[in-house]
């Protein structure tokens, strides 16, 4: 089993892709410790090598995003699955080659001075499958895989600060917007984007195992 320890990695940071690629090159199983971004990086590398068939164990870090996802999956702090030996899970992908496990977020891009106030909004047109869930100025979009369902994303469009968002369920979300910040499992995409897609890929499955 290949052991990748990213326990010291900040939850808003992605691990080095080349290091992950080398570590899983000939692995028959993989054990990864660290934040959600570390597990995501391993799954991206395995998918690119067409090796999603091997078992992947995860010892989650203690940050809120990892703690929430591990509870959802039934993974204890030591990386043991509660009540079962393995779980077969789907894979949510984006149009940049990444994967989404816990939460995606789209927010307004900072100004040229780097400032962004709490009430800043941006223009967006968003489709969740065939349903148009936004067409105008919004505050934020949160996207979460629904692990209680098969190949499903829960989308929450916040149009105003402090107001409850509009929630929808479906397989894919397509965003066209003013330049916006994309956050993938706590990690910001390197540059503002005006288009983004997340989709639950029904062709892909991977196996979560105990450490």
C-alpha atoms as a PDB file:
ATOM      1  CA  UNK A   1       0.000   0.000   0.000  1.00  0.00           C
ATOM      2  CA  UNK A   2       1.290   3.474  -0.896  1.00  0.00           C
ATOM      3  CA  UNK A   3       1.140   5.813   2.120  1.00  0.00           C
ATOM      4  CA  UNK A   4       0.800   9.537   1.468  1.00  0.00           C
ATOM      5  CA  UNK A   5       0.961  11.682   4.587  1.00  0.00           C
ATOM      6  CA  UNK A   6      -0.311  15.212   4.047  1.00  0.00           C
ATOM      7  CA  UNK A   7      -1.303  15.685   7.670  1.00  0.00           C
ATOM      8  CA  UNK A   8       0.595  18.984   7.866  1.00  0.00           C
ATOM      9  CA  UNK A   9      -1.000  20.392   4.708  1.00  0.00           C
ATOM     10  CA  UNK A  10      -3.222  23.432   5.254  1.00  0.00           C
ATOM     11  CA  UNK A  11      -6.858  22.721   4.321  1.00  0.00           C
ATOM     12  CA  UNK A  12      -6.830  25.557   1.748  1.00  0.00           C
ATOM     13  CA  UNK A  13      -3.785  24.128  -0.053  1.00  0.00           C
ATOM     14  CA  UNK A  14      -3.472  21.392  -2.671  1.00  0.00           C
ATOM     15  CA  UNK A  15      -0.563  18.907  -2.525  1.00  0.00           C
ATOM     16  CA  UNK A  16       2.136  18.809  -5.169  1.00  0.00           C
ATOM     17  CA  UNK A  17       0.729  16.963  -8.186  1.00  0.00           C
ATOM     18  CA  UNK A  18       4.038  15.411  -9.192  1.00  0.00           C
ATOM     19  CA  UNK A  19       4.630  14.056  -5.688  1.00  0.00           C
ATOM     20  CA  UNK A  20       1.191  12.427  -5.714  1.00  0.00           C
ATOM     21  CA  UNK A  21       1.721  11.065  -9.210  1.00  0.00           C
ATOM     22  CA  UNK A  22       5.045   9.437  -8.238  1.00  0.00           C
ATOM     23  CA  UNK A  23       3.626   7.973  -5.027  1.00  0.00           C
ATOM     24  CA  UNK A  24       0.728   6.159  -6.694  1.00  0.00           C
ATOM     25  CA  UNK A  25       2.614   5.087  -9.819  1.00  0.00           C
ATOM     26  CA  UNK A  26       2.726   1.364  -8.995  1.00  0.00           C
ATOM     27  CA  UNK A  27       0.423   1.173  -5.987  1.00  0.00           C
ATOM     28  CA  UNK A  28      -2.161  -1.580  -5.574  1.00  0.00           C
ATOM     29  CA  UNK A  29      -3.821   0.327  -2.723  1.00  0.00           C
ATOM     30  CA  UNK A  30      -3.402   3.882  -1.455  1.00  0.00           C
ATOM     31  CA  UNK A  31      -3.666   5.366   2.015  1.00  0.00           C
ATOM     32  CA  UNK A  32      -3.786   9.155   2.237  1.00  0.00           C
ATOM     33  CA  UNK A  33      -3.810  11.300   5.383  1.00  0.00           C
ATOM     34  CA  UNK A  34      -4.737  14.972   5.344  1.00  0.00           C
ATOM     35  CA  UNK A  35      -7.416  17.424   4.251  1.00  0.00           C
ATOM     36  CA  UNK A  36     -10.063  16.835   1.582  1.00  0.00           C
ATOM     37  CA  UNK A  37      -7.812  18.438  -1.038  1.00  0.00           C
ATOM     38  CA  UNK A  38      -5.204  15.705  -0.506  1.00  0.00           C
ATOM     39  CA  UNK A  39      -7.730  12.936  -1.080  1.00  0.00           C
ATOM     40  CA  UNK A  40      -9.024  14.781  -4.140  1.00  0.00           C
ATOM     41  CA  UNK A  41      -5.510  15.027  -5.586  1.00  0.00           C
ATOM     42  CA  UNK A  42      -5.032  11.271  -5.187  1.00  0.00           C
ATOM     43  CA  UNK A  43      -8.312  10.528  -6.964  1.00  0.00           C
ATOM     44  CA  UNK A  44      -7.393  12.876  -9.827  1.00  0.00           C
ATOM     45  CA  UNK A  45      -4.043  11.096 -10.223  1.00  0.00           C
ATOM     46  CA  UNK A  46      -5.667   7.648 -10.131  1.00  0.00           C
ATOM     47  CA  UNK A  47      -8.282   8.665 -12.682  1.00  0.00           C
ATOM     48  CA  UNK A  48      -5.608   9.950 -15.045  1.00  0.00           C
ATOM     49  CA  UNK A  49      -3.834   6.587 -14.786  1.00  0.00           C
ATOM     50  CA  UNK A  50      -7.132   4.717 -15.200  1.00  0.00           C
ATOM     51  CA  UNK A  51      -6.632   3.158 -11.747  1.00  0.00           C
ATOM     52  CA  UNK A  52      -9.806   4.061  -9.897  1.00  0.00           C
ATOM     53  CA  UNK A  53     -10.262   0.304  -9.413  1.00  0.00           C
ATOM     54  CA  UNK A  54      -7.807   0.209  -6.489  1.00  0.00           C
ATOM     55  CA  UNK A  55      -8.874   0.792  -2.875  1.00  0.00           C
ATOM     56  CA  UNK A  56      -8.233   4.192  -1.284  1.00  0.00           C
ATOM     57  CA  UNK A  57      -8.104   4.748   2.478  1.00  0.00           C
ATOM     58  CA  UNK A  58      -8.375   8.210   4.023  1.00  0.00           C
ATOM     59  CA  UNK A  59      -7.318   9.450   7.449  1.00  0.00           C
ATOM     60  CA  UNK A  60      -9.025  12.863   7.620  1.00  0.00           C
ATOM     61  CA  UNK A  61      -7.494  15.989   9.077  1.00  0.00           C
ATOM     62  CA  UNK A  62      -9.350  17.847  11.826  1.00  0.00           C
ATOM     63  CA  UNK A  63     -10.486  20.912   9.851  1.00  0.00           C
ATOM     64  CA  UNK A  64     -14.267  21.447   9.527  1.00  0.00           C
ATOM     65  CA  UNK A  65     -14.519  20.439   5.858  1.00  0.00           C
ATOM     66  CA  UNK A  66     -12.699  17.132   6.382  1.00  0.00           C
ATOM     67  CA  UNK A  67     -14.545  16.460   9.631  1.00  0.00           C
ATOM     68  CA  UNK A  68     -17.915  16.962   7.956  1.00  0.00           C
ATOM     69  CA  UNK A  69     -17.105  14.743   4.980  1.00  0.00           C
ATOM     70  CA  UNK A  70     -15.657  11.980   7.155  1.00  0.00           C
ATOM     71  CA  UNK A  71     -18.847  11.939   9.250  1.00  0.00           C
ATOM     72  CA  UNK A  72     -20.939  11.697   6.087  1.00  0.00           C
ATOM     73  CA  UNK A  73     -18.898   8.740   4.853  1.00  0.00           C
ATOM     74  CA  UNK A  74     -18.628   7.071   8.265  1.00  0.00           C
ATOM     75  CA  UNK A  75     -14.848   7.419   8.543  1.00  0.00           C
ATOM     76  CA  UNK A  76     -13.474   7.756  12.077  1.00  0.00           C
ATOM     77  CA  UNK A  77     -10.417   9.929  12.948  1.00  0.00           C
ATOM     78  CA  UNK A  78      -8.132   6.905  12.516  1.00  0.00           C
ATOM     79  CA  UNK A  79      -9.382   6.250   8.991  1.00  0.00           C
ATOM     80  CA  UNK A  80     -11.568   3.259   9.857  1.00  0.00           C
ATOM     81  CA  UNK A  81     -14.942   2.857   8.179  1.00  0.00           C
ATOM     82  CA  UNK A  82     -17.680   2.298  10.731  1.00  0.00           C
ATOM     83  CA  UNK A  83     -19.857  -0.757  10.179  1.00  0.00           C
ATOM     84  CA  UNK A  84     -18.508  -1.756   6.754  1.00  0.00           C
ATOM     85  CA  UNK A  85     -15.257  -2.804   5.103  1.00  0.00           C
ATOM     86  CA  UNK A  86     -15.549  -0.604   2.025  1.00  0.00           C
ATOM     87  CA  UNK A  87     -17.812   1.869   0.230  1.00  0.00           C
ATOM     88  CA  UNK A  88     -18.239   2.346  -3.510  1.00  0.00           C
ATOM     89  CA  UNK A  89     -18.648   6.038  -4.330  1.00  0.00           C
ATOM     90  CA  UNK A  90     -19.218   8.109  -7.437  1.00  0.00           C
ATOM     91  CA  UNK A  91     -16.969  10.876  -8.712  1.00  0.00           C
ATOM     92  CA  UNK A  92     -17.881  14.510  -9.294  1.00  0.00           C
ATOM     93  CA  UNK A  93     -15.635  16.127 -11.889  1.00  0.00           C
ATOM     94  CA  UNK A  94     -15.106  19.628 -13.270  1.00  0.00           C
ATOM     95  CA  UNK A  95     -14.195  20.853 -16.730  1.00  0.00           C
ATOM     96  CA  UNK A  96     -10.601  21.563 -15.646  1.00  0.00           C
ATOM     97  CA  UNK A  97      -9.802  17.950 -14.782  1.00  0.00           C
ATOM     98  CA  UNK A  98     -10.385  18.191 -11.036  1.00  0.00           C
ATOM     99  CA  UNK A  99     -12.766  16.403  -8.682  1.00  0.00           C
ATOM    100  CA  UNK A 100     -15.156  17.643  -5.995  1.00  0.00           C
ATOM    101  CA  UNK A 101     -15.723  15.725  -2.762  1.00  0.00           C
ATOM    102  CA  UNK A 102     -17.098  18.060  -0.099  1.00  0.00           C
ATOM    103  CA  UNK A 103     -17.946  21.573  -1.314  1.00  0.00           C
ATOM    104  CA  UNK A 104     -17.519  23.783  -4.343  1.00  0.00           C
ATOM    105  CA  UNK A 105     -18.118  27.513  -4.083  1.00  0.00           C
ATOM    106  CA  UNK A 106     -18.384  30.384  -6.564  1.00  0.00           C
ATOM    107  CA  UNK A 107     -18.023  33.952  -5.264  1.00  0.00           C
ATOM    108  CA  UNK A 108     -17.241  37.395  -6.638  1.00  0.00           C
ATOM    109  CA  UNK A 109     -13.695  38.138  -7.713  1.00  0.00           C
ATOM    110  CA  UNK A 110     -11.745  40.737  -5.691  1.00  0.00           C
ATOM    111  CA  UNK A 111     -11.258  44.212  -7.134  1.00  0.00           C
ATOM    112  CA  UNK A 112      -7.962  45.288  -8.674  1.00  0.00           C
ATOM    113  CA  UNK A 113      -6.856  46.457  -5.221  1.00  0.00           C
ATOM    114  CA  UNK A 114      -7.576  43.003  -3.794  1.00  0.00           C
ATOM    115  CA  UNK A 115     -10.554  44.174  -1.750  1.00  0.00           C
ATOM    116  CA  UNK A 116     -13.838  42.292  -1.521  1.00  0.00           C
ATOM    117  CA  UNK A 117     -16.503  43.393   0.925  1.00  0.00           C
ATOM    118  CA  UNK A 118     -18.977  41.051   2.572  1.00  0.00           C
ATOM    119  CA  UNK A 119     -21.854  42.230   0.400  1.00  0.00           C
ATOM    120  CA  UNK A 120     -20.138  41.965  -2.973  1.00  0.00           C
ATOM    121  CA  UNK A 121     -22.153  40.295  -5.731  1.00  0.00           C
ATOM    122  CA  UNK A 122     -21.626  39.236  -9.331  1.00  0.00           C
ATOM    123  CA  UNK A 123     -23.654  38.506 -12.427  1.00  0.00           C
ATOM    124  CA  UNK A 124     -24.308  34.882 -13.317  1.00  0.00           C
ATOM    125  CA  UNK A 125     -26.504  32.585 -15.363  1.00  0.00           C
ATOM    126  CA  UNK A 126     -26.585  29.084 -13.926  1.00  0.00           C
ATOM    127  CA  UNK A 127     -28.235  25.883 -15.095  1.00  0.00           C
ATOM    128  CA  UNK A 128     -28.659  22.826 -12.889  1.00  0.00           C
ATOM    129  CA  UNK A 129     -29.400  20.119 -15.441  1.00  0.00           C
ATOM    130  CA  UNK A 130     -32.140  21.764 -17.539  1.00  0.00           C
ATOM    131  CA  UNK A 131     -33.349  24.069 -14.760  1.00  0.00           C
ATOM    132  CA  UNK A 132     -32.171  27.669 -14.765  1.00  0.00           C
ATOM    133  CA  UNK A 133     -31.415  28.391 -11.119  1.00  0.00           C
ATOM    134  CA  UNK A 134     -29.875  31.870 -11.528  1.00  0.00           C
ATOM    135  CA  UNK A 135     -30.072  34.646 -14.098  1.00  0.00           C
ATOM    136  CA  UNK A 136     -28.879  37.956 -12.690  1.00  0.00           C
ATOM    137  CA  UNK A 137     -26.838  39.278  -9.790  1.00  0.00           C
ATOM    138  CA  UNK A 138     -26.088  36.844  -6.966  1.00  0.00           C
ATOM    139  CA  UNK A 139     -23.978  36.607  -3.825  1.00  0.00           C
ATOM    140  CA  UNK A 140     -22.640  33.035  -3.817  1.00  0.00           C
ATOM    141  CA  UNK A 141     -23.167  29.510  -5.112  1.00  0.00           C
ATOM    142  CA  UNK A 142     -22.471  26.430  -2.994  1.00  0.00           C
ATOM    143  CA  UNK A 143     -22.268  22.998  -4.634  1.00  0.00           C
ATOM    144  CA  UNK A 144     -22.111  19.755  -2.650  1.00  0.00           C
ATOM    145  CA  UNK A 145     -22.139  16.129  -3.764  1.00  0.00           C
ATOM    146  CA  UNK A 146     -25.149  14.390  -2.213  1.00  0.00           C
ATOM    147  CA  UNK A 147     -23.596  11.191  -0.906  1.00  0.00           C
ATOM    148  CA  UNK A 148     -26.987   9.856   0.180  1.00  0.00           C
ATOM    149  CA  UNK A 149     -28.028   9.697  -3.492  1.00  0.00           C
ATOM    150  CA  UNK A 150     -26.443   8.413  -6.684  1.00  0.00           C
ATOM    151  CA  UNK A 151     -24.721  10.905  -9.014  1.00  0.00           C
ATOM    152  CA  UNK A 152     -26.438  13.929  -7.473  1.00  0.00           C
ATOM    153  CA  UNK A 153     -25.320  17.476  -6.703  1.00  0.00           C
ATOM    154  CA  UNK A 154     -27.072  19.804  -4.293  1.00  0.00           C
ATOM    155  CA  UNK A 155     -26.806  23.436  -5.422  1.00  0.00           C
ATOM    156  CA  UNK A 156     -27.562  26.413  -3.187  1.00  0.00           C
ATOM    157  CA  UNK A 157     -27.756  29.804  -4.930  1.00  0.00           C
ATOM    158  CA  UNK A 158     -27.533  32.753  -2.517  1.00  0.00           C
ATOM    159  CA  UNK A 159     -28.888  35.879  -4.152  1.00  0.00           C
ATOM    160  CA  UNK A 160     -28.715  38.200  -1.137  1.00  0.00           C
ATOM    161  CA  UNK A 161     -26.496  38.453   1.924  1.00  0.00           C
ATOM    162  CA  UNK A 162     -27.966  36.764   5.025  1.00  0.00           C
ATOM    163  CA  UNK A 163     -30.892  35.302   3.075  1.00  0.00           C
ATOM    164  CA  UNK A 164     -31.545  31.611   2.661  1.00  0.00           C
ATOM    165  CA  UNK A 165     -30.507  30.361  -0.757  1.00  0.00           C
ATOM    166  CA  UNK A 166     -32.506  28.559  -3.425  1.00  0.00           C
ATOM    167  CA  UNK A 167     -31.717  24.832  -3.326  1.00  0.00           C
ATOM    168  CA  UNK A 168     -31.913  22.429  -6.269  1.00  0.00           C
ATOM    169  CA  UNK A 169     -30.822  18.840  -6.977  1.00  0.00           C
ATOM    170  CA  UNK A 170     -29.453  17.346 -10.172  1.00  0.00           C
ATOM    171  CA  UNK A 171     -26.464  15.774 -11.903  1.00  0.00           C
ATOM    172  CA  UNK A 172     -24.636  18.764 -13.423  1.00  0.00           C
ATOM    173  CA  UNK A 173     -24.250  22.500 -12.901  1.00  0.00           C
ATOM    174  CA  UNK A 174     -23.081  24.945 -15.575  1.00  0.00           C
ATOM    175  CA  UNK A 175     -22.043  28.472 -14.590  1.00  0.00           C
ATOM    176  CA  UNK A 176     -21.497  31.447 -16.909  1.00  0.00           C
ATOM    177  CA  UNK A 177     -20.637  34.571 -14.952  1.00  0.00           C
ATOM    178  CA  UNK A 178     -18.623  37.704 -14.389  1.00  0.00           C
ATOM    179  CA  UNK A 179     -15.033  36.883 -13.359  1.00  0.00           C
ATOM    180  CA  UNK A 180     -15.461  34.851 -10.185  1.00  0.00           C
ATOM    181  CA  UNK A 181     -13.449  32.948  -7.592  1.00  0.00           C
ATOM    182  CA  UNK A 182     -13.857  29.163  -7.770  1.00  0.00           C
ATOM    183  CA  UNK A 183     -13.207  27.204  -4.587  1.00  0.00           C
ATOM    184  CA  UNK A 184     -12.787  23.421  -4.785  1.00  0.00           C
ATOM    185  CA  UNK A 185     -12.840  21.585  -1.461  1.00  0.00           C
ATOM    186  CA  UNK A 186     -11.375  24.600   0.299  1.00  0.00           C
ATOM    187  CA  UNK A 187      -8.732  25.396  -2.335  1.00  0.00           C
ATOM    188  CA  UNK A 188      -9.066  28.396  -4.639  1.00  0.00           C
ATOM    189  CA  UNK A 189      -8.589  27.880  -8.349  1.00  0.00           C
ATOM    190  CA  UNK A 190      -5.498  29.879  -9.412  1.00  0.00           C
ATOM    191  CA  UNK A 191      -7.335  32.490 -11.478  1.00  0.00           C
ATOM    192  CA  UNK A 192     -10.814  34.041 -11.787  1.00  0.00           C
ATOM    193  CA  UNK A 193     -13.115  32.184 -14.167  1.00  0.00           C
ATOM    194  CA  UNK A 194     -16.131  33.183 -16.260  1.00  0.00           C
ATOM    195  CA  UNK A 195     -17.301  29.614 -16.948  1.00  0.00           C
ATOM    196  CA  UNK A 196     -17.357  26.513 -14.778  1.00  0.00           C
ATOM    197  CA  UNK A 197     -18.973  23.096 -14.782  1.00  0.00           C
ATOM    198  CA  UNK A 198     -19.310  20.409 -12.124  1.00  0.00           C
ATOM    199  CA  UNK A 199     -20.941  17.101 -12.987  1.00  0.00           C
ATOM    200  CA  UNK A 200     -21.449  13.718 -11.362  1.00  0.00           C
ATOM    201  CA  UNK A 201     -19.914  11.297 -13.850  1.00  0.00           C
ATOM    202  CA  UNK A 202     -22.059   8.121 -13.960  1.00  0.00           C
ATOM    203  CA  UNK A 203     -19.250   6.202 -15.677  1.00  0.00           C
ATOM    204  CA  UNK A 204     -16.817   6.482 -12.766  1.00  0.00           C
ATOM    205  CA  UNK A 205     -16.730   4.756  -9.386  1.00  0.00           C
ATOM    206  CA  UNK A 206     -14.013   4.404  -6.752  1.00  0.00           C
ATOM    207  CA  UNK A 207     -13.688   2.396  -3.552  1.00  0.00           C
ATOM    208  CA  UNK A 208     -13.133   3.858  -0.086  1.00  0.00           C
ATOM    209  CA  UNK A 209     -11.535   1.356   2.312  1.00  0.00           C
ATOM    210  CA  UNK A 210     -10.371   1.349   5.916  1.00  0.00           C
ATOM    211  CA  UNK A 211      -6.774   2.120   6.775  1.00  0.00           C
END
